[in-house]
C-alpha atoms as a PDB file:
ATOM      1  CA  ASP A   1      87.146 106.877 118.299  1.00  0.00           C
ATOM      2  CA  GLY A   2      86.491 107.987 122.169  1.00  0.00           C
ATOM      3  CA  ARG A   3      88.880 105.550 123.271  1.00  0.00           C
ATOM      4  CA  LEU A   4      91.857 108.166 122.033  1.00  0.00           C
ATOM      5  CA  PRO A   5      92.077 111.959 122.636  1.00  0.00           C
ATOM      6  CA  ALA A   6      90.691 113.898 119.717  1.00  0.00           C
ATOM      7  CA  ASP A   7      94.141 115.738 119.012  1.00  0.00           C
ATOM      8  CA  ALA A   8      95.826 112.368 118.284  1.00  0.00           C
ATOM      9  CA  GLN A   9      93.145 111.665 115.663  1.00  0.00           C
ATOM     10  CA  ILE A  10      92.927 112.947 112.095  1.00  0.00           C
ATOM     11  CA  GLY A  11      89.461 113.882 111.190  1.00  0.00           C
ATOM     12  CA  GLU A  12      87.576 115.047 108.087  1.00  0.00           C
ATOM     13  CA  SER A  13      89.261 117.778 107.129  1.00  0.00           C
ATOM     14  CA  LEU A  14      92.233 115.925 105.756  1.00  0.00           C
ATOM     15  CA  TYR A  15      89.877 114.152 103.321  1.00  0.00           C
ATOM     16  CA  ALA A  16      87.715 117.273 102.143  1.00  0.00           C
ATOM     17  CA  SER A  17      87.868 118.177  98.518  1.00  0.00           C
ATOM     18  CA  ASN A  18      90.981 116.007  97.291  1.00  0.00           C
ATOM     19  CA  LEU A  19      91.695 112.559  96.045  1.00  0.00           C
ATOM     20  CA  LEU A  20      92.275 110.972  99.289  1.00  0.00           C
ATOM     21  CA  ASP A  21      89.994 108.466 100.571  1.00  0.00           C
ATOM     22  CA  ARG A  22      89.586 107.376 103.973  1.00  0.00           C
ATOM     23  CA  GLY A  23      91.692 103.982 103.623  1.00  0.00           C
ATOM     24  CA  HIS A  24      90.177 101.523 106.169  1.00  0.00           C
ATOM     25  CA  LEU A  25      92.569  99.255 107.357  1.00  0.00           C
ATOM     26  CA  VAL A  26      90.429  96.719 108.280  1.00  0.00           C
ATOM     27  CA  ARG A  27      87.610  96.570 106.096  1.00  0.00           C
ATOM     28  CA  ARG A  28      84.276  95.860 107.661  1.00  0.00           C
ATOM     29  CA  GLN A  29      83.886  92.288 106.236  1.00  0.00           C
ATOM     30  CA  ASP A  30      86.986  91.041 108.113  1.00  0.00           C
ATOM     31  CA  PRO A  31      85.764  91.331 111.730  1.00  0.00           C
ATOM     32  CA  ASN A  32      82.283  90.501 111.254  1.00  0.00           C
ATOM     33  CA  TRP A  33      81.662  87.111 112.960  1.00  0.00           C
ATOM     34  CA  GLY A  34      81.280  85.673 116.448  1.00  0.00           C
ATOM     35  CA  LYS A  35      79.275  87.170 119.263  1.00  0.00           C
ATOM     36  CA  ASP A  36      80.894  90.482 119.001  1.00  0.00           C
ATOM     37  CA  ALA A  37      80.409  90.887 115.323  1.00  0.00           C
ATOM     38  CA  GLN A  38      78.308  94.377 115.716  1.00  0.00           C
ATOM     39  CA  THR A  39      81.101  95.986 117.735  1.00  0.00           C
ATOM     40  CA  ALA A  40      83.631  94.867 115.241  1.00  0.00           C
ATOM     41  CA  ASN A  41      81.589  96.078 112.441  1.00  0.00           C
ATOM     42  CA  THR A  42      81.303  99.787 114.181  1.00  0.00           C
ATOM     43  CA  ASP A  43      85.053  99.474 115.236  1.00  0.00           C
ATOM     44  CA  THR A  44      86.282  99.765 111.644  1.00  0.00           C
ATOM     45  CA  PHE A  45      84.312 102.948 110.921  1.00  0.00           C
ATOM     46  CA  HIS A  46      86.706 105.102 113.245  1.00  0.00           C
ATOM     47  CA  PHE A  47      89.154 107.240 111.995  1.00  0.00           C
ATOM     48  CA  THR A  48      91.654 105.194 113.789  1.00  0.00           C
ATOM     49  CA  ASN A  49      91.293 102.552 111.511  1.00  0.00           C
ATOM     50  CA  CYS A  50      91.910 105.039 108.476  1.00  0.00           C
ATOM     51  CA  SER A  51      94.978 106.059 106.859  1.00  0.00           C
ATOM     52  CA  PRO A  52      95.173 108.499 103.949  1.00  0.00           C
ATOM     53  CA  GLN A  53      95.294 106.589 100.526  1.00  0.00           C
ATOM     54  CA  MET A  54      94.880 107.678  97.400  1.00  0.00           C
ATOM     55  CA  SER A  55      91.416 106.978  95.544  1.00  0.00           C
ATOM     56  CA  ALA A  56      92.557 105.102  92.903  1.00  0.00           C
ATOM     57  CA  PHE A  57      94.782 103.069  95.234  1.00  0.00           C
ATOM     58  CA  ASN A  58      92.108 102.591  97.762  1.00  0.00           C
ATOM     59  CA  GLN A  59      89.499 101.384  95.537  1.00  0.00           C
ATOM     60  CA  LYS A  60      90.980  99.141  93.009  1.00  0.00           C
ATOM     61  CA  THR A  61      94.676  98.030  94.039  1.00  0.00           C
ATOM     62  CA  TRP A  62      94.071  97.818  97.829  1.00  0.00           C
ATOM     63  CA  LEU A  63      90.527  96.614  97.584  1.00  0.00           C
ATOM     64  CA  GLU A  64      91.422  93.833  94.877  1.00  0.00           C
ATOM     65  CA  LEU A  65      94.021  92.265  97.250  1.00  0.00           C
ATOM     66  CA  GLU A  66      91.343  92.806 100.095  1.00  0.00           C
ATOM     67  CA  ASP A  67      89.127  91.025  98.091  1.00  0.00           C
ATOM     68  CA  TYR A  68      91.258  88.282  96.876  1.00  0.00           C
ATOM     69  CA  ILE A  69      92.037  87.297 100.416  1.00  0.00           C
ATOM     70  CA  LEU A  70      88.415  87.392 101.603  1.00  0.00           C
ATOM     71  CA  ASP A  71      87.468  85.377  98.552  1.00  0.00           C
ATOM     72  CA  ASN A  72      90.027  82.451  98.872  1.00  0.00           C
ATOM     73  CA  THR A  73      89.013  82.479 102.429  1.00  0.00           C
ATOM     74  CA  ARG A  74      85.531  81.934 101.856  1.00  0.00           C
ATOM     75  CA  ARG A  75      86.189  79.412  99.384  1.00  0.00           C
ATOM     76  CA  TRP A  76      88.381  77.196 101.593  1.00  0.00           C
ATOM     77  CA  LYS A  77      85.897  77.924 104.430  1.00  0.00           C
ATOM     78  CA  SER A  78      89.030  78.652 106.632  1.00  0.00           C
ATOM     79  CA  ARG A  79      89.804  81.405 109.094  1.00  0.00           C
ATOM     80  CA  VAL A  80      92.829  83.666 108.526  1.00  0.00           C
ATOM     81  CA  THR A  81      94.273  86.702 110.188  1.00  0.00           C
ATOM     82  CA  VAL A  82      95.259  89.586 108.399  1.00  0.00           C
ATOM     83  CA  PHE A  83      97.314  92.636 109.740  1.00  0.00           C
ATOM     84  CA  SER A  84      97.593  95.677 107.867  1.00  0.00           C
ATOM     85  CA  GLY A  85      98.984  99.136 108.365  1.00  0.00           C
ATOM     86  CA  PRO A  86     101.283 101.744 106.216  1.00  0.00           C
ATOM     87  CA  ILE A  87     105.123 101.919 106.108  1.00  0.00           C
ATOM     88  CA  LEU A  88     105.917 105.089 107.497  1.00  0.00           C
ATOM     89  CA  ARG A  89     109.194 106.887 106.749  1.00  0.00           C
ATOM     90  CA  ASP A  90     110.900 110.417 107.401  1.00  0.00           C
ATOM     91  CA  ASP A  91     110.562 111.444 103.840  1.00  0.00           C
ATOM     92  CA  ASP A  92     106.801 110.712 103.407  1.00  0.00           C
ATOM     93  CA  ARG A  93     104.938 113.732 102.106  1.00  0.00           C
ATOM     94  CA  SER A  94     103.583 116.330 104.362  1.00  0.00           C
ATOM     95  CA  TYR A  95      99.720 117.299 103.377  1.00  0.00           C
ATOM     96  CA  ARG A  96      97.930 119.769 105.377  1.00  0.00           C
ATOM     97  CA  ASN A  97     100.010 118.868 108.194  1.00  0.00           C
ATOM     98  CA  VAL A  98      99.675 115.102 107.988  1.00  0.00           C
ATOM     99  CA  LYS A  99     102.531 112.849 106.741  1.00  0.00           C
ATOM    100  CA  ILE A 100     101.081 110.640 103.964  1.00  0.00           C
ATOM    101  CA  PRO A 101     102.118 106.833 103.573  1.00  0.00           C
ATOM    102  CA  SER A 102     104.089 106.153 100.452  1.00  0.00           C
ATOM    103  CA  ALA A 103     103.404 102.299 100.871  1.00  0.00           C
ATOM    104  CA  PHE A 104     101.083 100.022 102.862  1.00  0.00           C
ATOM    105  CA  TRP A 105     101.544  96.142 104.224  1.00  0.00           C
ATOM    106  CA  LYS A 106      99.433  93.511 104.696  1.00  0.00           C
ATOM    107  CA  VAL A 107     100.604  90.142 106.512  1.00  0.00           C
ATOM    108  CA  VAL A 108      98.460  87.106 106.270  1.00  0.00           C
ATOM    109  CA  ALA A 109      98.319  84.152 108.718  1.00  0.00           C
ATOM    110  CA  PHE A 110      96.595  81.020 108.170  1.00  0.00           C
ATOM    111  CA  LEU A 111      97.049  76.979 108.090  1.00  0.00           C
ATOM    112  CA  GLY A 112      97.984  75.532 104.819  1.00  0.00           C
ATOM    113  CA  ASP A 113      96.030  72.790 102.984  1.00  0.00           C
ATOM    114  CA  ASP A 114      98.373  70.443 105.106  1.00  0.00           C
ATOM    115  CA  GLY A 115      97.344  71.929 108.496  1.00  0.00           C
ATOM    116  CA  LYS A 116     100.398  73.727 109.327  1.00  0.00           C
ATOM    117  CA  PRO A 117     100.765  77.206 109.821  1.00  0.00           C
ATOM    118  CA  SER A 118     101.675  79.499 106.642  1.00  0.00           C
ATOM    119  CA  ALA A 119     102.210  83.291 105.927  1.00  0.00           C
ATOM    120  CA  SER A 120     102.405  85.813 103.324  1.00  0.00           C
ATOM    121  CA  ALA A 121     103.037  89.541 102.982  1.00  0.00           C
ATOM    122  CA  TYR A 122     102.207  92.255 100.609  1.00  0.00           C
ATOM    123  CA  MET A 123     103.467  95.649 100.230  1.00  0.00           C
ATOM    124  CA  ILE A 124     101.654  98.286  98.058  1.00  0.00           C
ATOM    125  CA  ASP A 125     103.131 101.466  96.676  1.00  0.00           C
ATOM    126  CA  GLN A 126     101.261 104.766  96.460  1.00  0.00           C
ATOM    127  CA  SER A 127     104.235 106.824  96.398  1.00  0.00           C
ATOM    128  CA  ARG A 128     103.896 107.705  92.342  1.00  0.00           C
ATOM    129  CA  GLU A 129     100.259 108.494  92.973  1.00  0.00           C
ATOM    130  CA  LEU A 130     100.636 111.265  95.613  1.00  0.00           C
ATOM    131  CA  GLY A 131     102.063 113.746  93.409  1.00  0.00           C
ATOM    132  CA  GLU A 132     100.552 117.106  94.035  1.00  0.00           C
ATOM    133  CA  LEU A 133      97.553 115.265  95.301  1.00  0.00           C
ATOM    134  CA  SER A 134      95.899 116.639  91.924  1.00  0.00           C
ATOM    135  CA  ILE A 135      97.391 114.375  89.775  1.00  0.00           C
ATOM    136  CA  VAL A 136      96.875 111.818  86.622  1.00  0.00           C
ATOM    137  CA  PHE A 137      96.823 108.219  87.916  1.00  0.00           C
ATOM    138  CA  GLY A 138      99.351 105.927  86.587  1.00  0.00           C
ATOM    139  CA  GLN A 139     100.328 102.289  87.209  1.00  0.00           C
ATOM    140  CA  LEU A 140     100.201 101.152  90.813  1.00  0.00           C
ATOM    141  CA  LYS A 141     102.668  98.688  91.837  1.00  0.00           C
ATOM    142  CA  THR A 142     102.055  95.771  94.173  1.00  0.00           C
ATOM    143  CA  TRP A 143     104.452  93.296  95.337  1.00  0.00           C
ATOM    144  CA  GLN A 144     104.443  90.205  97.322  1.00  0.00           C
ATOM    145  CA  ARG A 145     107.314  90.375  99.880  1.00  0.00           C
ATOM    146  CA  SER A 146     108.409  88.536 102.789  1.00  0.00           C
ATOM    147  CA  VAL A 147     107.296  89.065 106.391  1.00  0.00           C
ATOM    148  CA  ALA A 148     110.814  89.288 107.188  1.00  0.00           C
ATOM    149  CA  GLN A 149     111.018  92.652 104.799  1.00  0.00           C
ATOM    150  CA  ILE A 150     107.802  94.134 106.346  1.00  0.00           C
ATOM    151  CA  GLU A 151     109.336  93.408 109.730  1.00  0.00           C
ATOM    152  CA  GLN A 152     112.272  95.521 108.568  1.00  0.00           C
ATOM    153  CA  LEU A 153     110.039  98.124 107.155  1.00  0.00           C
ATOM    154  CA  THR A 154     107.807  98.617 109.838  1.00  0.00           C
ATOM    155  CA  GLY A 155     109.659  97.727 113.166  1.00  0.00           C
ATOM    156  CA  ILE A 156     106.635  95.494 114.014  1.00  0.00           C
ATOM    157  CA  HIS A 157     107.804  91.792 114.949  1.00  0.00           C
ATOM    158  CA  PHE A 158     105.302  89.142 113.842  1.00  0.00           C
ATOM    159  CA  GLY A 159     106.548  86.267 115.867  1.00  0.00           C
ATOM    160  CA  LYS A 160     107.065  83.015 114.292  1.00  0.00           C
ATOM    161  CA  LEU A 161     105.029  84.082 110.901  1.00  0.00           C
ATOM    162  CA  ALA A 162     108.174  84.490 109.025  1.00  0.00           C
ATOM    163  CA  ASP A 163     109.114  81.007 110.011  1.00  0.00           C
ATOM    164  CA  TYR A 164     105.775  80.017 107.764  1.00  0.00           C
ATOM    165  CA  ASP A 165     106.660  82.211 105.113  1.00  0.00           C
ATOM    166  CA  GLY A 166     107.959  80.805 101.871  1.00  0.00           C
ATOM    167  CA  PHE A 167     109.452  84.083 101.181  1.00  0.00           C
ATOM    168  CA  SER A 168     110.984  84.605 104.403  1.00  0.00           C
ATOM    169  CA  ASN A 169     112.488  80.803 104.351  1.00  0.00           C
ATOM    170  CA  GLU A 170     114.088  81.384 100.831  1.00  0.00           C
ATOM    171  CA  GLU A 171     115.492  84.777 101.698  1.00  0.00           C
ATOM    172  CA  ARG A 172     117.420  82.959 104.972  1.00  0.00           C
ATOM    173  CA  LEU A 173     118.580  80.319 102.495  1.00  0.00           C
ATOM    174  CA  THR A 174     119.756  82.423  99.437  1.00  0.00           C
ATOM    175  CA  GLY A 175     120.817  85.552 101.627  1.00  0.00           C
ATOM    176  CA  THR A 176     119.123  87.668  98.657  1.00  0.00           C
ATOM    177  CA  ARG A 177     115.771  89.760  99.128  1.00  0.00           C
ATOM    178  CA  ILE A 178     112.642  87.935  97.271  1.00  0.00           C
ATOM    179  CA  GLU A 179     109.885  89.868  95.772  1.00  0.00           C
ATOM    180  CA  ALA A 180     107.378  89.140  93.075  1.00  0.00           C
ATOM    181  CA  GLN A 181     105.451  91.831  91.361  1.00  0.00           C
ATOM    182  CA  ILE A 182     101.925  91.362  91.358  1.00  0.00           C
ATOM    183  CA  ARG A 183     100.131  92.514  88.228  1.00  0.00           C
ATOM    184  CA  GLY A 184      96.510  90.930  88.884  1.00  0.00           C
ATOM    185  CA  PRO A 185      94.864  88.307  91.361  1.00  0.00           C
ATOM    186  CA  GLN A 186      96.419  85.615  89.391  1.00  0.00           C
ATOM    187  CA  ASP A 187      99.760  86.582  90.858  1.00  0.00           C
ATOM    188  CA  ILE A 188      99.318  86.617  94.368  1.00  0.00           C
ATOM    189  CA  ARG A 189     100.290  83.524  96.267  1.00  0.00           C
ATOM    190  CA  LEU A 190      98.944  82.813  99.682  1.00  0.00           C
END
């Protein structure tokens, strides 16, 4: 990505000869619309749009969540805004002098059936999969979380989106953290 200094980017050497994938935070299909579709498509292939993800995580669990969001957007003939990123922690494992995130998040903003703003948030953990990067793949755990929790974990503020998220609203009312394990696409709630 020519917009950033090369020494501020992680290149192909991190991903060579191991089980790490270049996990695209914005997938190619998501921004491919409108007059800038070609530029948006090209921008998804920069290393600055990638974060190290275990291949089983990237090609199954992360992909299933992305597919669910995209498929429902197409089915509803609507548009959504999707924010994605790693959850960075001080104790993240270092591999080839790069910290590997143990978890990733997505926040989805959209208009509900009633035309009112709505939001949902997800966190997917890959920490058990990291092991020695020569692992036996185990079960990955995916959780639907509140936008407020993702804000707290990442330090990123999503403006009023937490106000439109049912989980965040329930947490404010009850004073307890809300999370729901997602075992398959049928458990995802937008």
